[in-house]
Amino acid sequence: MKKHISLLFIIFTCVTTAFSQANGKAKGEVAVLKEVSGLEVVQSIYPEAVAVEKGNGVWFNVVDAKKKVLGYCLSSKPYSDGIIGYHNTTPVIVVTDKSKIIKKVAILSNWESPGFLKKLERQKYFNSWDGLKIGEASKKKASVDSYSGATISATALSKNVEIILNKAAQ
């Protein structure tokens, strides 16, 4: 009887391990929320920025202490709430200059695996849109297959960028 229970336990363990590996969640990976504020991202481009204020439509104004507009930004939230990456939603922020040329694309607060996001950074994924005008960028399709090891995250992020750029280009 003990042999049967031991055998069942071993089979159960093997099946569970195989199932978790098939779902890409092996090695005890635990999703952890990484808080990223839009202002933090904006300040990496505009250090003198003190606020991000609602502008026209989907646009936000990046302003300094004297309320001078330094540039603009876009957030994919709430338009992208249904787009799920590896663990959860993957909202993005797009920071532009006053000519609406993209300076930076970054992920906001998320549950994605830090290792996968680092892999995308190393592969220059987030720089794919840098230097493009909004209209040009809205037509650009990032080839998510070229970002090996992080395809699920890259696909969700690309959808987020596409949604907000299309709204901004209208």
C-alpha atoms as a PDB file:
ATOM      1  CA  MET A   1       0.000   0.000   0.000  1.00  0.00           C
ATOM      2  CA  LYS A   2       2.814   2.409   0.895  1.00  0.00           C
ATOM      3  CA  LYS A   3       4.481   1.620  -2.434  1.00  0.00           C
ATOM      4  CA  HIS A   4       1.279   2.546  -4.281  1.00  0.00           C
ATOM      5  CA  ILE A   5       0.968   5.822  -2.399  1.00  0.00           C
ATOM      6  CA  SER A   6       4.628   6.605  -3.036  1.00  0.00           C
ATOM      7  CA  LEU A   7       4.206   5.775  -6.715  1.00  0.00           C
ATOM      8  CA  LEU A   8       1.100   7.977  -6.956  1.00  0.00           C
ATOM      9  CA  PHE A   9       2.968  10.810  -5.252  1.00  0.00           C
ATOM     10  CA  ILE A  10       5.873  10.513  -7.700  1.00  0.00           C
ATOM     11  CA  ILE A  11       3.503  10.470 -10.688  1.00  0.00           C
ATOM     12  CA  PHE A  12       1.609  13.468  -9.305  1.00  0.00           C
ATOM     13  CA  THR A  13       4.874  15.381  -8.794  1.00  0.00           C
ATOM     14  CA  CYS A  14       6.061  14.602 -12.335  1.00  0.00           C
ATOM     15  CA  VAL A  15       2.745  15.647 -13.885  1.00  0.00           C
ATOM     16  CA  THR A  16       2.617  18.855 -11.835  1.00  0.00           C
ATOM     17  CA  THR A  17       6.197  19.741 -12.771  1.00  0.00           C
ATOM     18  CA  ALA A  18       5.580  19.050 -16.455  1.00  0.00           C
ATOM     19  CA  PHE A  19       2.394  21.135 -16.391  1.00  0.00           C
ATOM     20  CA  SER A  20       4.084  24.096 -14.704  1.00  0.00           C
ATOM     21  CA  GLN A  21       6.979  23.963 -17.176  1.00  0.00           C
ATOM     22  CA  ALA A  22       4.555  23.850 -20.099  1.00  0.00           C
ATOM     23  CA  ASN A  23       2.991  27.032 -18.759  1.00  0.00           C
ATOM     24  CA  GLY A  24       6.403  28.656 -18.437  1.00  0.00           C
ATOM     25  CA  LYS A  25       6.196  29.057 -14.690  1.00  0.00           C
ATOM     26  CA  ALA A  26       8.837  26.642 -13.539  1.00  0.00           C
ATOM     27  CA  LYS A  27      11.627  27.300 -11.074  1.00  0.00           C
ATOM     28  CA  GLY A  28       9.284  28.623  -8.384  1.00  0.00           C
ATOM     29  CA  GLU A  29       8.685  31.933 -10.131  1.00  0.00           C
ATOM     30  CA  VAL A  30       6.494  34.245  -8.080  1.00  0.00           C
ATOM     31  CA  ALA A  31       4.873  37.296  -9.617  1.00  0.00           C
ATOM     32  CA  VAL A  32       5.656  40.503  -7.723  1.00  0.00           C
ATOM     33  CA  LEU A  33       4.209  43.936  -8.418  1.00  0.00           C
ATOM     34  CA  LYS A  34       6.811  46.436  -9.565  1.00  0.00           C
ATOM     35  CA  GLU A  35       5.587  49.979  -8.973  1.00  0.00           C
ATOM     36  CA  VAL A  36       6.666  52.429 -11.667  1.00  0.00           C
ATOM     37  CA  SER A  37       5.293  55.965 -11.637  1.00  0.00           C
ATOM     38  CA  GLY A  38       4.775  57.836 -14.860  1.00  0.00           C
ATOM     39  CA  LEU A  39       6.505  60.866 -13.344  1.00  0.00           C
ATOM     40  CA  GLU A  40       9.628  58.774 -12.627  1.00  0.00           C
ATOM     41  CA  VAL A  41       9.795  57.744 -16.273  1.00  0.00           C
ATOM     42  CA  VAL A  42       9.172  61.318 -17.448  1.00  0.00           C
ATOM     43  CA  GLN A  43      11.917  62.643 -15.134  1.00  0.00           C
ATOM     44  CA  SER A  44      14.412  60.246 -16.712  1.00  0.00           C
ATOM     45  CA  ILE A  45      13.969  62.366 -19.873  1.00  0.00           C
ATOM     46  CA  TYR A  46      13.012  65.702 -18.309  1.00  0.00           C
ATOM     47  CA  PRO A  47      14.737  65.914 -14.877  1.00  0.00           C
ATOM     48  CA  GLU A  48      13.199  69.356 -14.246  1.00  0.00           C
ATOM     49  CA  ALA A  49       9.631  67.990 -14.621  1.00  0.00           C
ATOM     50  CA  VAL A  50       7.510  68.293 -11.494  1.00  0.00           C
ATOM     51  CA  ALA A  51       4.140  67.149 -12.818  1.00  0.00           C
ATOM     52  CA  VAL A  52       2.249  65.448 -15.583  1.00  0.00           C
ATOM     53  CA  GLU A  53      -1.054  67.209 -16.260  1.00  0.00           C
ATOM     54  CA  LYS A  54      -4.009  66.231 -18.426  1.00  0.00           C
ATOM     55  CA  GLY A  55      -3.829  67.879 -21.828  1.00  0.00           C
ATOM     56  CA  ASN A  56      -6.039  67.348 -24.870  1.00  0.00           C
ATOM     57  CA  GLY A  57      -7.580  63.936 -25.531  1.00  0.00           C
ATOM     58  CA  VAL A  58      -5.069  61.214 -24.717  1.00  0.00           C
ATOM     59  CA  TRP A  59      -2.175  63.657 -24.313  1.00  0.00           C
ATOM     60  CA  PHE A  60      -0.616  64.745 -21.017  1.00  0.00           C
ATOM     61  CA  ASN A  61       1.593  67.809 -20.588  1.00  0.00           C
ATOM     62  CA  VAL A  62       4.953  67.410 -18.872  1.00  0.00           C
ATOM     63  CA  VAL A  63       5.499  70.630 -16.885  1.00  0.00           C
ATOM     64  CA  ASP A  64       8.193  72.215 -14.741  1.00  0.00           C
ATOM     65  CA  ALA A  65       7.715  74.163 -11.489  1.00  0.00           C
ATOM     66  CA  LYS A  66       6.674  77.278 -13.433  1.00  0.00           C
ATOM     67  CA  LYS A  67       4.070  75.275 -15.411  1.00  0.00           C
ATOM     68  CA  LYS A  68       6.158  75.561 -18.577  1.00  0.00           C
ATOM     69  CA  VAL A  69       5.429  72.643 -20.925  1.00  0.00           C
ATOM     70  CA  LEU A  70       8.615  70.631 -21.461  1.00  0.00           C
ATOM     71  CA  GLY A  71       7.133  67.843 -23.562  1.00  0.00           C
ATOM     72  CA  TYR A  72       4.234  65.430 -23.668  1.00  0.00           C
ATOM     73  CA  CYS A  73       3.376  61.893 -22.717  1.00  0.00           C
ATOM     74  CA  LEU A  74       0.769  59.232 -23.354  1.00  0.00           C
ATOM     75  CA  SER A  75      -0.386  56.395 -21.112  1.00  0.00           C
ATOM     76  CA  SER A  76      -1.990  53.215 -22.404  1.00  0.00           C
ATOM     77  CA  LYS A  77      -4.114  52.970 -19.242  1.00  0.00           C
ATOM     78  CA  PRO A  78      -7.140  52.493 -19.231  1.00  0.00           C
ATOM     79  CA  TYR A  79      -7.279  51.604 -22.939  1.00  0.00           C
ATOM     80  CA  SER A  80      -5.171  48.507 -22.447  1.00  0.00           C
ATOM     81  CA  ASP A  81      -6.731  46.986 -19.336  1.00  0.00           C
ATOM     82  CA  GLY A  82      -7.666  43.801 -21.222  1.00  0.00           C
ATOM     83  CA  ILE A  83      -4.175  43.214 -22.615  1.00  0.00           C
ATOM     84  CA  ILE A  84      -2.428  40.633 -20.473  1.00  0.00           C
ATOM     85  CA  GLY A  85       1.269  39.878 -20.586  1.00  0.00           C
ATOM     86  CA  TYR A  86       2.952  36.947 -18.884  1.00  0.00           C
ATOM     87  CA  HIS A  87       1.339  37.619 -15.497  1.00  0.00           C
ATOM     88  CA  ASN A  88      -1.051  40.572 -15.779  1.00  0.00           C
ATOM     89  CA  THR A  89      -1.611  43.893 -17.543  1.00  0.00           C
ATOM     90  CA  THR A  90       1.356  45.688 -19.123  1.00  0.00           C
ATOM     91  CA  PRO A  91       0.558  49.419 -19.339  1.00  0.00           C
ATOM     92  CA  VAL A  92       3.079  51.655 -21.067  1.00  0.00           C
ATOM     93  CA  ILE A  93       4.009  55.321 -21.107  1.00  0.00           C
ATOM     94  CA  VAL A  94       5.302  57.101 -24.193  1.00  0.00           C
ATOM     95  CA  VAL A  95       7.301  60.297 -23.590  1.00  0.00           C
ATOM     96  CA  THR A  96       7.747  62.802 -26.435  1.00  0.00           C
ATOM     97  CA  ASP A  97       9.308  66.187 -26.989  1.00  0.00           C
ATOM     98  CA  LYS A  98       7.247  69.242 -27.962  1.00  0.00           C
ATOM     99  CA  SER A  99       7.408  68.190 -31.622  1.00  0.00           C
ATOM    100  CA  LYS A 100       5.839  64.871 -30.566  1.00  0.00           C
ATOM    101  CA  ILE A 101       8.926  62.878 -31.427  1.00  0.00           C
ATOM    102  CA  ILE A 102       9.239  59.853 -29.155  1.00  0.00           C
ATOM    103  CA  LYS A 103      12.009  60.078 -26.573  1.00  0.00           C
ATOM    104  CA  LYS A 104      11.134  57.011 -24.507  1.00  0.00           C
ATOM    105  CA  VAL A 105       8.735  54.077 -24.211  1.00  0.00           C
ATOM    106  CA  ALA A 106       8.574  52.325 -20.835  1.00  0.00           C
ATOM    107  CA  ILE A 107       6.382  49.905 -18.929  1.00  0.00           C
ATOM    108  CA  LEU A 108       4.460  51.311 -15.956  1.00  0.00           C
ATOM    109  CA  SER A 109       3.533  49.381 -12.768  1.00  0.00           C
ATOM    110  CA  ASN A 110       3.381  45.712 -13.696  1.00  0.00           C
ATOM    111  CA  TRP A 111       3.604  42.085 -12.589  1.00  0.00           C
ATOM    112  CA  GLU A 112       5.943  40.958 -15.365  1.00  0.00           C
ATOM    113  CA  SER A 113       9.040  38.928 -14.597  1.00  0.00           C
ATOM    114  CA  PRO A 114      11.969  41.328 -14.047  1.00  0.00           C
ATOM    115  CA  GLY A 115      14.265  38.924 -15.900  1.00  0.00           C
ATOM    116  CA  PHE A 116      12.088  39.023 -19.012  1.00  0.00           C
ATOM    117  CA  LEU A 117      11.874  42.819 -18.921  1.00  0.00           C
ATOM    118  CA  LYS A 118      15.667  43.048 -18.547  1.00  0.00           C
ATOM    119  CA  LYS A 119      15.999  40.746 -21.542  1.00  0.00           C
ATOM    120  CA  LEU A 120      13.769  43.106 -23.569  1.00  0.00           C
ATOM    121  CA  GLU A 121      15.860  46.083 -22.424  1.00  0.00           C
ATOM    122  CA  ARG A 122      19.104  44.342 -23.425  1.00  0.00           C
ATOM    123  CA  GLN A 123      17.589  43.562 -26.822  1.00  0.00           C
ATOM    124  CA  LYS A 124      16.683  47.276 -27.215  1.00  0.00           C
ATOM    125  CA  TYR A 125      12.954  46.521 -27.422  1.00  0.00           C
ATOM    126  CA  PHE A 126      11.879  49.722 -25.650  1.00  0.00           C
ATOM    127  CA  ASN A 127      14.101  51.801 -27.962  1.00  0.00           C
ATOM    128  CA  SER A 128      12.283  50.561 -31.084  1.00  0.00           C
ATOM    129  CA  TRP A 129      10.167  53.723 -31.287  1.00  0.00           C
ATOM    130  CA  ASP A 130      12.755  56.314 -30.182  1.00  0.00           C
ATOM    131  CA  GLY A 131      13.197  59.197 -32.612  1.00  0.00           C
ATOM    132  CA  LEU A 132       9.964  58.502 -34.500  1.00  0.00           C
ATOM    133  CA  LYS A 133       7.068  60.933 -34.845  1.00  0.00           C
ATOM    134  CA  ILE A 134       3.779  59.642 -33.474  1.00  0.00           C
ATOM    135  CA  GLY A 135       2.318  59.069 -36.958  1.00  0.00           C
ATOM    136  CA  GLU A 136       5.352  57.050 -38.082  1.00  0.00           C
ATOM    137  CA  ALA A 137       5.501  55.126 -34.832  1.00  0.00           C
ATOM    138  CA  SER A 138       1.807  54.192 -35.004  1.00  0.00           C
ATOM    139  CA  LYS A 139       2.522  52.383 -38.297  1.00  0.00           C
ATOM    140  CA  LYS A 140       5.579  50.559 -36.945  1.00  0.00           C
ATOM    141  CA  LYS A 141       5.080  46.961 -35.937  1.00  0.00           C
ATOM    142  CA  ALA A 142       7.657  45.602 -33.520  1.00  0.00           C
ATOM    143  CA  SER A 143       8.650  42.082 -34.516  1.00  0.00           C
ATOM    144  CA  VAL A 144       7.915  40.393 -31.202  1.00  0.00           C
ATOM    145  CA  ASP A 145       9.277  37.059 -32.408  1.00  0.00           C
ATOM    146  CA  SER A 146      12.752  38.547 -32.479  1.00  0.00           C
ATOM    147  CA  TYR A 147      12.665  39.056 -28.703  1.00  0.00           C
ATOM    148  CA  SER A 148      13.376  35.475 -27.723  1.00  0.00           C
ATOM    149  CA  GLY A 149      12.501  34.351 -24.243  1.00  0.00           C
ATOM    150  CA  ALA A 150      10.052  37.178 -23.670  1.00  0.00           C
ATOM    151  CA  THR A 151       7.572  36.817 -26.530  1.00  0.00           C
ATOM    152  CA  ILE A 152       4.425  36.919 -24.349  1.00  0.00           C
ATOM    153  CA  SER A 153       5.544  40.112 -22.612  1.00  0.00           C
ATOM    154  CA  ALA A 154       6.747  41.692 -25.870  1.00  0.00           C
ATOM    155  CA  THR A 155       3.454  40.900 -27.611  1.00  0.00           C
ATOM    156  CA  ALA A 156       1.397  42.503 -24.830  1.00  0.00           C
ATOM    157  CA  LEU A 157       3.677  45.533 -24.653  1.00  0.00           C
ATOM    158  CA  SER A 158       3.520  45.995 -28.435  1.00  0.00           C
ATOM    159  CA  LYS A 159      -0.283  45.911 -28.325  1.00  0.00           C
ATOM    160  CA  ASN A 160      -0.240  48.561 -25.588  1.00  0.00           C
ATOM    161  CA  VAL A 161       2.094  50.814 -27.556  1.00  0.00           C
ATOM    162  CA  GLU A 162       0.026  50.315 -30.710  1.00  0.00           C
ATOM    163  CA  ILE A 163      -3.249  51.226 -28.953  1.00  0.00           C
ATOM    164  CA  ILE A 164      -1.994  54.471 -27.456  1.00  0.00           C
ATOM    165  CA  LEU A 165      -0.062  55.559 -30.548  1.00  0.00           C
ATOM    166  CA  ASN A 166      -3.112  54.960 -32.749  1.00  0.00           C
ATOM    167  CA  LYS A 167      -5.280  57.022 -30.386  1.00  0.00           C
ATOM    168  CA  ALA A 168      -2.689  59.810 -30.371  1.00  0.00           C
ATOM    169  CA  ALA A 169      -2.370  59.791 -34.173  1.00  0.00           C
ATOM    170  CA  GLN A 170      -6.131  60.332 -34.664  1.00  0.00           C
END
